[in-house]
Structure formats: C-alpha cells, structure tokens
Amino acid sequence: MTTMTTKPTIYIGQRFSWMGRVAALIAILALAVTALVSCQGFHEGPAEIVESSFDVGESLWLEINGFNGSITIISGIAGEAVVRASLRQPDRIEYTTHQDGDKIVGTARRLGNFFDLMSRASARIEVTVPRDTYLVLSTSNGGIRSPVSVAGEL
C-alpha cells in the first residue's frame, strides 16, 4: 500500500498578499501626508504689518534675526529707529522687538511642528536707522539689502 501526501498548493498571490497590503497602506499614507502639506498654503490670509518706533541716542546697536524673508536697511534721521515687519501667515511666526538702552533687537522665528516645514510663512523686515548704526543682521532664507554704506556683521 502506497500513501501519497501532498502539500497544499500556495499561490504567489497568497504568499505575498500581506506585503501588498503593507505597500498599499504606505502609498495611501504618503498621499495623505502630501495632500495635507500641500493644502497648507491655501489658507495664508493677508500679510500682517507690525511697526515699532524707538527713540535712540547717538550710537545705536541694531540686531535683527529674520526668518524666511529679506531684511532691508534704510537710512533715516538721527534719534529715531523704525522696524517694520510684513508677516505672511503670522499665526506661524513668533515676532518680537525690544529696546534696551541704545540696543534694539528684532527676532522672527517659525512656530510649529514637522508638518509646518512646507508652510509659506515669512517675515520681511524693513529697518530705518540713523546713518551711524552698528548692524548685526541674519536671516534664514532671504537677502539683506542696504542702499547705504553700513558697518557691522551681515
């Protein structure tokens, strides 16, 4: 008497069906994240303008740390400094200016988490200062323009 045993037939689709499900799930998640990130720009709203004026002495020290935008320096009158920022998506930016004696510091930085990396938030800063002002300027992404001759760290 001969006994014959057979193994059940396994089709390729059965063996790798769990891999297909995982690949489909990853593709769906990637599309969902892409759609979420790309839709953020549609709710920008208008830019918010923030202007601060300061009375200053003869030797002014100005430090501006910008975020994703340009910094423009304009020569103004002695004794007064004006910092004007145009904030796009202001709810995603922390913007502050303060004065300590003859030192003025303006800072714009991005708020948010990983999904805000693709946001279009920006801070364009325009500064009107006396001619003899020491400048320390930095921006994460943007130009620094000065139509007048200046001294300082750029």
N, C-alpha and C. Protein backbone atom coordinates (compact mmCIF):
# COMPACT_ATOMS: atom_id res chain seq x y z
N MET A 1 0.83 -1.16 0.00
CA MET A 1 0.00 0.00 0.00
C MET A 1 0.89 1.24 0.00
N THR A 2 0.59 2.08 -0.87
CA THR A 2 1.38 3.29 -1.04
C THR A 2 0.53 4.48 -0.59
N THR A 3 1.12 5.29 0.22
CA THR A 3 0.43 6.50 0.66
C THR A 3 1.12 7.71 0.01
N MET A 4 0.31 8.53 -0.41
CA MET A 4 0.84 9.72 -1.06
C MET A 4 0.34 10.96 -0.30
N THR A 5 1.27 11.76 0.08
CA THR A 5 0.89 13.00 0.75
C THR A 5 1.21 14.18 -0.17
N THR A 6 0.37 15.09 -0.15
CA THR A 6 0.59 16.28 -0.99
C THR A 6 0.54 17.53 -0.12
N LYS A 7 1.35 18.43 -0.50
CA LYS A 7 1.35 19.72 0.21
C LYS A 7 0.28 20.59 -0.43
N PRO A 8 -0.34 21.43 0.38
CA PRO A 8 -1.34 22.32 -0.21
C PRO A 8 -0.66 23.29 -1.18
N THR A 9 -1.35 23.59 -2.20
CA THR A 9 -0.80 24.49 -3.21
C THR A 9 -0.89 25.93 -2.70
N ILE A 10 0.24 26.63 -2.73
CA ILE A 10 0.29 28.03 -2.31
C ILE A 10 0.59 28.85 -3.55
N TYR A 11 -0.26 29.75 -3.82
CA TYR A 11 -0.07 30.62 -4.97
C TYR A 11 0.79 31.82 -4.57
N ILE A 12 1.45 32.39 -5.53
CA ILE A 12 2.31 33.54 -5.28
C ILE A 12 1.51 34.66 -4.63
N GLY A 13 0.30 34.88 -5.08
CA GLY A 13 -0.53 35.95 -4.52
C GLY A 13 -0.86 35.73 -3.06
N GLN A 14 -0.98 34.49 -2.64
CA GLN A 14 -1.27 34.21 -1.24
C GLN A 14 -0.05 34.44 -0.37
N ARG A 15 1.10 34.06 -0.87
CA ARG A 15 2.31 34.18 -0.07
C ARG A 15 2.67 35.64 0.18
N PHE A 16 2.49 36.47 -0.82
CA PHE A 16 2.92 37.85 -0.69
C PHE A 16 1.75 38.83 -0.51
N SER A 17 0.60 38.34 -0.16
CA SER A 17 -0.55 39.23 -0.04
C SER A 17 -0.37 40.23 1.10
N TRP A 18 0.27 39.84 2.17
CA TRP A 18 0.48 40.78 3.28
C TRP A 18 1.44 41.89 2.87
N MET A 19 2.40 41.57 2.00
CA MET A 19 3.33 42.60 1.53
C MET A 19 2.61 43.62 0.66
N GLY A 20 1.68 43.14 -0.15
CA GLY A 20 0.90 44.04 -0.98
C GLY A 20 0.04 44.98 -0.15
N ARG A 21 -0.52 44.44 0.92
CA ARG A 21 -1.35 45.28 1.80
C ARG A 21 -0.51 46.35 2.48
N VAL A 22 0.68 45.97 2.93
CA VAL A 22 1.57 46.95 3.57
C VAL A 22 1.99 48.02 2.58
N ALA A 23 2.33 47.62 1.36
CA ALA A 23 2.73 48.59 0.33
C ALA A 23 1.58 49.54 0.00
N ALA A 24 0.37 49.01 -0.09
CA ALA A 24 -0.80 49.85 -0.37
C ALA A 24 -1.04 50.83 0.78
N LEU A 25 -0.88 50.37 2.02
CA LEU A 25 -1.07 51.24 3.18
C LEU A 25 -0.03 52.36 3.19
N ILE A 26 1.21 52.03 2.89
CA ILE A 26 2.27 53.05 2.84
C ILE A 26 1.97 54.07 1.74
N ALA A 27 1.53 53.61 0.60
CA ALA A 27 1.20 54.53 -0.51
C ALA A 27 0.05 55.46 -0.13
N ILE A 28 -0.97 54.93 0.53
CA ILE A 28 -2.11 55.75 0.95
C ILE A 28 -1.67 56.79 1.98
N LEU A 29 -0.84 56.38 2.94
CA LEU A 29 -0.35 57.32 3.94
C LEU A 29 0.51 58.41 3.31
N ALA A 30 1.35 58.04 2.35
CA ALA A 30 2.19 59.03 1.66
C ALA A 30 1.33 60.04 0.91
N LEU A 31 0.29 59.58 0.25
CA LEU A 31 -0.62 60.50 -0.46
C LEU A 31 -1.35 61.42 0.52
N ALA A 32 -1.76 60.88 1.66
CA ALA A 32 -2.47 61.69 2.65
C ALA A 32 -1.57 62.78 3.22
N VAL A 33 -0.32 62.44 3.54
CA VAL A 33 0.62 63.43 4.07
C VAL A 33 0.92 64.49 3.02
N THR A 34 1.11 64.08 1.78
CA THR A 34 1.37 65.03 0.69
C THR A 34 0.20 65.99 0.52
N ALA A 35 -1.01 65.47 0.56
CA ALA A 35 -2.19 66.32 0.42
C ALA A 35 -2.31 67.29 1.60
N LEU A 36 -2.01 66.82 2.80
CA LEU A 36 -2.09 67.67 3.99
C LEU A 36 -1.09 68.81 3.92
N VAL A 37 0.14 68.50 3.54
CA VAL A 37 1.19 69.51 3.48
C VAL A 37 0.94 70.50 2.34
N SER A 38 0.49 70.03 1.20
CA SER A 38 0.29 70.93 0.06
C SER A 38 -0.92 71.83 0.23
N CYS A 39 -1.87 71.47 1.04
CA CYS A 39 -3.06 72.30 1.23
C CYS A 39 -2.83 73.43 2.23
N GLN A 40 -1.71 73.45 2.92
CA GLN A 40 -1.47 74.48 3.92
C GLN A 40 -1.39 75.87 3.33
N GLY A 41 -0.87 76.01 2.13
CA GLY A 41 -0.70 77.32 1.51
C GLY A 41 -2.00 78.00 1.12
N PHE A 42 -3.09 77.28 1.03
CA PHE A 42 -4.34 77.86 0.58
C PHE A 42 -4.99 78.74 1.65
N HIS A 43 -4.56 78.63 2.88
CA HIS A 43 -5.16 79.39 3.97
C HIS A 43 -4.19 80.42 4.52
N GLU A 44 -3.46 81.08 3.64
CA GLU A 44 -2.47 82.04 4.08
C GLU A 44 -3.09 83.27 4.71
N GLY A 45 -4.07 83.82 4.09
CA GLY A 45 -4.63 85.07 4.58
C GLY A 45 -3.72 86.23 4.22
N PRO A 46 -4.14 87.44 4.56
CA PRO A 46 -3.33 88.61 4.24
C PRO A 46 -2.10 88.71 5.15
N ALA A 47 -1.10 89.44 4.66
CA ALA A 47 0.09 89.68 5.47
C ALA A 47 -0.25 90.69 6.57
N GLU A 48 0.37 90.50 7.72
CA GLU A 48 0.17 91.41 8.84
C GLU A 48 1.39 92.33 8.91
N ILE A 49 1.15 93.63 9.04
CA ILE A 49 2.23 94.62 9.14
C ILE A 49 2.38 95.01 10.60
N VAL A 50 3.60 94.86 11.13
CA VAL A 50 3.90 95.24 12.51
C VAL A 50 5.00 96.30 12.46
N GLU A 51 4.74 97.45 13.08
CA GLU A 51 5.72 98.54 13.05
C GLU A 51 6.02 98.99 14.47
N SER A 52 7.31 99.14 14.76
CA SER A 52 7.76 99.60 16.07
C SER A 52 8.71 100.77 15.88
N SER A 53 8.49 101.85 16.64
CA SER A 53 9.36 103.03 16.59
C SER A 53 10.10 103.16 17.91
N PHE A 54 11.36 103.56 17.83
CA PHE A 54 12.19 103.68 19.01
C PHE A 54 12.93 105.01 18.99
N ASP A 55 13.02 105.67 20.15
CA ASP A 55 13.88 106.84 20.30
C ASP A 55 15.25 106.33 20.71
N VAL A 56 16.28 106.78 20.02
CA VAL A 56 17.63 106.26 20.27
C VAL A 56 18.62 107.41 20.44
N GLY A 57 19.76 107.07 21.02
CA GLY A 57 20.83 108.05 21.20
C GLY A 57 21.72 108.10 19.97
N GLU A 58 22.97 108.56 20.18
CA GLU A 58 23.89 108.74 19.06
C GLU A 58 24.48 107.43 18.55
N SER A 59 24.74 106.49 19.43
CA SER A 59 25.36 105.23 18.98
C SER A 59 24.36 104.09 19.15
N LEU A 60 23.78 103.68 18.06
CA LEU A 60 22.74 102.65 18.08
C LEU A 60 23.32 101.31 17.65
N TRP A 61 22.94 100.26 18.35
CA TRP A 61 23.28 98.88 18.01
C TRP A 61 21.96 98.22 17.62
N LEU A 62 21.90 97.70 16.40
CA LEU A 62 20.67 97.06 15.91
C LEU A 62 20.97 95.62 15.55
N GLU A 63 20.20 94.70 16.13
CA GLU A 63 20.35 93.28 15.83
C GLU A 63 19.02 92.75 15.32
N ILE A 64 19.02 92.20 14.11
CA ILE A 64 17.81 91.64 13.51
C ILE A 64 18.09 90.19 13.13
N ASN A 65 17.26 89.28 13.62
CA ASN A 65 17.33 87.86 13.27
C ASN A 65 16.03 87.52 12.54
N GLY A 66 16.11 87.43 11.23
CA GLY A 66 14.92 87.21 10.42
C GLY A 66 14.66 85.75 10.15
N PHE A 67 13.50 85.51 9.55
CA PHE A 67 13.10 84.15 9.20
C PHE A 67 12.45 84.15 7.83
N ASN A 68 13.02 83.42 6.90
CA ASN A 68 12.42 83.17 5.60
C ASN A 68 11.95 84.44 4.89
N GLY A 69 12.79 85.46 4.90
CA GLY A 69 12.44 86.70 4.23
C GLY A 69 13.62 87.65 4.22
N SER A 70 13.46 88.73 3.51
CA SER A 70 14.56 89.68 3.34
C SER A 70 14.60 90.69 4.48
N ILE A 71 15.78 91.31 4.62
CA ILE A 71 15.98 92.42 5.55
C ILE A 71 16.47 93.60 4.70
N THR A 72 15.82 94.74 4.83
CA THR A 72 16.19 95.93 4.09
C THR A 72 16.52 97.05 5.07
N ILE A 73 17.67 97.69 4.87
CA ILE A 73 18.10 98.79 5.71
C ILE A 73 17.92 100.09 4.94
N ILE A 74 17.32 101.09 5.60
CA ILE A 74 17.10 102.40 5.01
C ILE A 74 17.70 103.44 5.95
N SER A 75 18.41 104.40 5.39
CA SER A 75 18.99 105.47 6.19
C SER A 75 17.90 106.46 6.59
N GLY A 76 17.86 106.76 7.90
CA GLY A 76 16.83 107.65 8.41
C GLY A 76 17.42 108.82 9.17
N ILE A 77 16.59 109.47 9.97
CA ILE A 77 17.03 110.64 10.73
C ILE A 77 17.65 110.21 12.05
N ALA A 78 18.50 111.07 12.59
CA ALA A 78 19.15 110.79 13.87
C ALA A 78 18.11 110.80 14.99
N GLY A 79 18.33 109.93 15.97
CA GLY A 79 17.47 109.90 17.14
C GLY A 79 16.24 109.01 17.03
N GLU A 80 16.02 108.38 15.88
CA GLU A 80 14.84 107.54 15.72
C GLU A 80 15.16 106.30 14.88
N ALA A 81 14.61 105.17 15.30
CA ALA A 81 14.73 103.93 14.54
C ALA A 81 13.34 103.33 14.40
N VAL A 82 13.05 102.81 13.21
CA VAL A 82 11.74 102.20 12.94
C VAL A 82 11.98 100.81 12.37
N VAL A 83 11.34 99.81 12.97
CA VAL A 83 11.41 98.43 12.49
C VAL A 83 10.01 98.06 12.02
N ARG A 84 9.91 97.71 10.74
CA ARG A 84 8.61 97.38 10.14
C ARG A 84 8.70 95.98 9.55
N ALA A 85 7.81 95.10 9.98
CA ALA A 85 7.82 93.71 9.51
C ALA A 85 6.52 93.39 8.80
N SER A 86 6.64 92.72 7.67
CA SER A 86 5.49 92.20 6.94
C SER A 86 5.49 90.69 7.15
N LEU A 87 4.52 90.20 7.92
CA LEU A 87 4.47 88.80 8.31
C LEU A 87 3.42 88.06 7.49
N ARG A 88 3.85 87.08 6.73
CA ARG A 88 2.92 86.22 5.99
C ARG A 88 2.67 84.99 6.85
N GLN A 89 1.44 84.63 7.04
CA GLN A 89 0.99 83.59 7.97
C GLN A 89 1.50 83.91 9.38
N PRO A 90 1.08 85.05 9.95
CA PRO A 90 1.60 85.49 11.25
C PRO A 90 1.29 84.53 12.39
N ASP A 91 0.28 83.68 12.25
CA ASP A 91 -0.02 82.71 13.30
C ASP A 91 1.05 81.62 13.39
N ARG A 92 1.94 81.55 12.41
CA ARG A 92 3.01 80.56 12.41
C ARG A 92 4.38 81.19 12.67
N ILE A 93 4.39 82.45 13.10
CA ILE A 93 5.64 83.17 13.35
C ILE A 93 5.58 83.83 14.72
N GLU A 94 6.67 83.72 15.46
CA GLU A 94 6.82 84.49 16.69
C GLU A 94 7.71 85.68 16.35
N TYR A 95 7.18 86.88 16.49
CA TYR A 95 7.92 88.09 16.13
C TYR A 95 7.97 89.01 17.34
N THR A 96 9.17 89.45 17.70
CA THR A 96 9.33 90.36 18.83
C THR A 96 10.36 91.44 18.49
N THR A 97 10.16 92.61 19.06
CA THR A 97 11.17 93.68 19.03
C THR A 97 11.22 94.27 20.43
N HIS A 98 12.42 94.60 20.86
CA HIS A 98 12.55 95.28 22.15
C HIS A 98 13.81 96.15 22.15
N GLN A 99 13.80 97.12 23.04
CA GLN A 99 14.90 98.06 23.16
C GLN A 99 15.46 97.99 24.56
N ASP A 100 16.78 97.99 24.66
CA ASP A 100 17.48 98.04 25.94
C ASP A 100 18.55 99.12 25.81
N GLY A 101 18.22 100.32 26.22
CA GLY A 101 19.13 101.45 26.05
C GLY A 101 19.25 101.80 24.57
N ASP A 102 20.49 101.77 24.06
CA ASP A 102 20.72 102.05 22.64
C ASP A 102 20.87 100.77 21.83
N LYS A 103 20.36 99.67 22.34
CA LYS A 103 20.38 98.40 21.60
C LYS A 103 18.94 97.99 21.29
N ILE A 104 18.70 97.71 20.02
CA ILE A 104 17.38 97.24 19.58
C ILE A 104 17.55 95.85 18.99
N VAL A 105 16.69 94.93 19.43
CA VAL A 105 16.74 93.55 18.93
C VAL A 105 15.37 93.20 18.36
N GLY A 106 15.38 92.71 17.13
CA GLY A 106 14.16 92.22 16.49
C GLY A 106 14.37 90.77 16.07
N THR A 107 13.42 89.91 16.39
CA THR A 107 13.55 88.49 16.11
C THR A 107 12.26 87.94 15.52
N ALA A 108 12.40 87.19 14.45
CA ALA A 108 11.27 86.47 13.85
C ALA A 108 11.68 85.01 13.74
N ARG A 109 10.85 84.11 14.28
CA ARG A 109 11.16 82.69 14.15
C ARG A 109 9.89 81.90 13.89
N ARG A 110 10.07 80.77 13.22
CA ARG A 110 8.94 79.92 12.83
C ARG A 110 8.42 79.14 14.03
N LEU A 111 7.12 79.06 14.14
CA LEU A 111 6.47 78.21 15.13
C LEU A 111 5.93 76.98 14.43
N GLY A 112 5.71 75.94 15.14
CA GLY A 112 5.06 74.78 14.54
C GLY A 112 5.84 73.50 14.72
N ASN A 113 5.38 72.49 14.00
CA ASN A 113 5.96 71.16 14.10
C ASN A 113 6.46 70.71 12.74
N PHE A 114 6.65 69.41 12.58
CA PHE A 114 7.20 68.84 11.36
C PHE A 114 6.38 69.20 10.12
N PHE A 115 5.06 69.21 10.24
CA PHE A 115 4.20 69.47 9.09
C PHE A 115 4.25 70.93 8.64
N ASP A 116 4.80 71.82 9.46
CA ASP A 116 4.92 73.22 9.09
C ASP A 116 6.18 73.51 8.29
N LEU A 117 6.99 72.51 8.02
CA LEU A 117 8.22 72.74 7.25
C LEU A 117 7.91 73.26 5.85
N MET A 118 6.78 72.88 5.29
CA MET A 118 6.42 73.31 3.95
C MET A 118 5.50 74.53 3.96
N SER A 119 5.32 75.15 5.12
CA SER A 119 4.45 76.33 5.16
C SER A 119 5.13 77.49 4.45
N ARG A 120 4.35 78.47 4.08
CA ARG A 120 4.87 79.62 3.34
C ARG A 120 5.01 80.82 4.26
N ALA A 121 5.13 80.59 5.55
CA ALA A 121 5.29 81.69 6.50
C ALA A 121 6.61 82.41 6.24
N SER A 122 6.57 83.74 6.34
CA SER A 122 7.79 84.51 6.14
C SER A 122 7.69 85.85 6.86
N ALA A 123 8.85 86.45 7.10
CA ALA A 123 8.92 87.76 7.73
C ALA A 123 9.88 88.63 6.93
N ARG A 124 9.33 89.59 6.21
CA ARG A 124 10.16 90.59 5.51
C ARG A 124 10.29 91.78 6.44
N ILE A 125 11.52 92.15 6.75
CA ILE A 125 11.76 93.20 7.74
C ILE A 125 12.45 94.38 7.06
N GLU A 126 11.92 95.56 7.32
CA GLU A 126 12.48 96.80 6.80
C GLU A 126 12.83 97.68 8.00
N VAL A 127 14.08 98.16 8.04
CA VAL A 127 14.55 98.91 9.19
C VAL A 127 15.04 100.28 8.72
N THR A 128 14.55 101.32 9.37
CA THR A 128 15.03 102.68 9.10
C THR A 128 15.82 103.13 10.32
N VAL A 129 17.11 103.38 10.13
CA VAL A 129 18.00 103.70 11.24
C VAL A 129 18.88 104.90 10.88
N PRO A 130 19.43 105.58 11.91
CA PRO A 130 20.40 106.65 11.64
C PRO A 130 21.63 106.10 10.92
N ARG A 131 22.34 106.98 10.27
CA ARG A 131 23.48 106.59 9.44
C ARG A 131 24.58 105.88 10.23
N ASP A 132 24.87 106.29 11.44
CA ASP A 132 25.97 105.70 12.23
C ASP A 132 25.45 104.60 13.15
N THR A 133 24.84 103.60 12.58
CA THR A 133 24.28 102.49 13.35
C THR A 133 25.12 101.24 13.13
N TYR A 134 25.42 100.53 14.24
CA TYR A 134 26.12 99.26 14.13
C TYR A 134 25.07 98.18 13.90
N LEU A 135 25.25 97.37 12.86
CA LEU A 135 24.24 96.40 12.45
C LEU A 135 24.73 94.97 12.62
N VAL A 136 23.88 94.12 13.16
CA VAL A 136 24.08 92.67 13.19
C VAL A 136 22.82 92.08 12.58
N LEU A 137 22.94 91.55 11.36
CA LEU A 137 21.77 91.10 10.60
C LEU A 137 21.93 89.65 10.19
N SER A 138 20.87 88.87 10.35
CA SER A 138 20.87 87.49 9.86
C SER A 138 19.45 87.10 9.47
N THR A 139 19.35 86.27 8.45
CA THR A 139 18.05 85.74 8.03
C THR A 139 18.26 84.31 7.55
N SER A 140 17.28 83.45 7.80
CA SER A 140 17.43 82.04 7.44
C SER A 140 17.31 81.81 5.95
N ASN A 141 16.55 82.65 5.26
CA ASN A 141 16.33 82.44 3.83
C ASN A 141 15.84 83.75 3.23
N GLY A 142 16.75 84.51 2.68
CA GLY A 142 16.37 85.79 2.09
C GLY A 142 17.58 86.68 1.97
N GLY A 143 17.41 87.78 1.28
CA GLY A 143 18.52 88.69 1.06
C GLY A 143 18.60 89.77 2.13
N ILE A 144 19.77 90.39 2.20
CA ILE A 144 19.99 91.55 3.06
C ILE A 144 20.36 92.69 2.13
N ARG A 145 19.53 93.74 2.13
CA ARG A 145 19.75 94.86 1.22
C ARG A 145 20.01 96.14 2.01
N SER A 146 21.00 96.86 1.54
CA SER A 146 21.33 98.12 2.16
C SER A 146 21.80 99.09 1.09
N PRO A 147 20.96 100.05 0.72
CA PRO A 147 21.36 101.00 -0.31
C PRO A 147 22.37 102.03 0.19
N VAL A 148 22.62 102.06 1.48
CA VAL A 148 23.60 102.99 2.05
C VAL A 148 24.80 102.21 2.52
N SER A 149 25.92 102.89 2.73
CA SER A 149 27.09 102.19 3.26
C SER A 149 26.88 101.99 4.76
N VAL A 150 27.11 100.75 5.21
CA VAL A 150 26.89 100.40 6.61
C VAL A 150 28.10 99.66 7.13
N ALA A 151 28.16 99.54 8.45
CA ALA A 151 29.21 98.75 9.10
C ALA A 151 28.53 97.77 10.03
N GLY A 152 29.10 96.57 10.14
CA GLY A 152 28.53 95.58 11.05
C GLY A 152 28.67 94.18 10.51
N GLU A 153 27.96 93.25 11.16
CA GLU A 153 28.01 91.84 10.79
C GLU A 153 26.76 91.50 9.99
N LEU A 154 26.97 90.92 8.81
CA LEU A 154 25.84 90.52 7.97
C LEU A 154 25.85 89.02 7.81
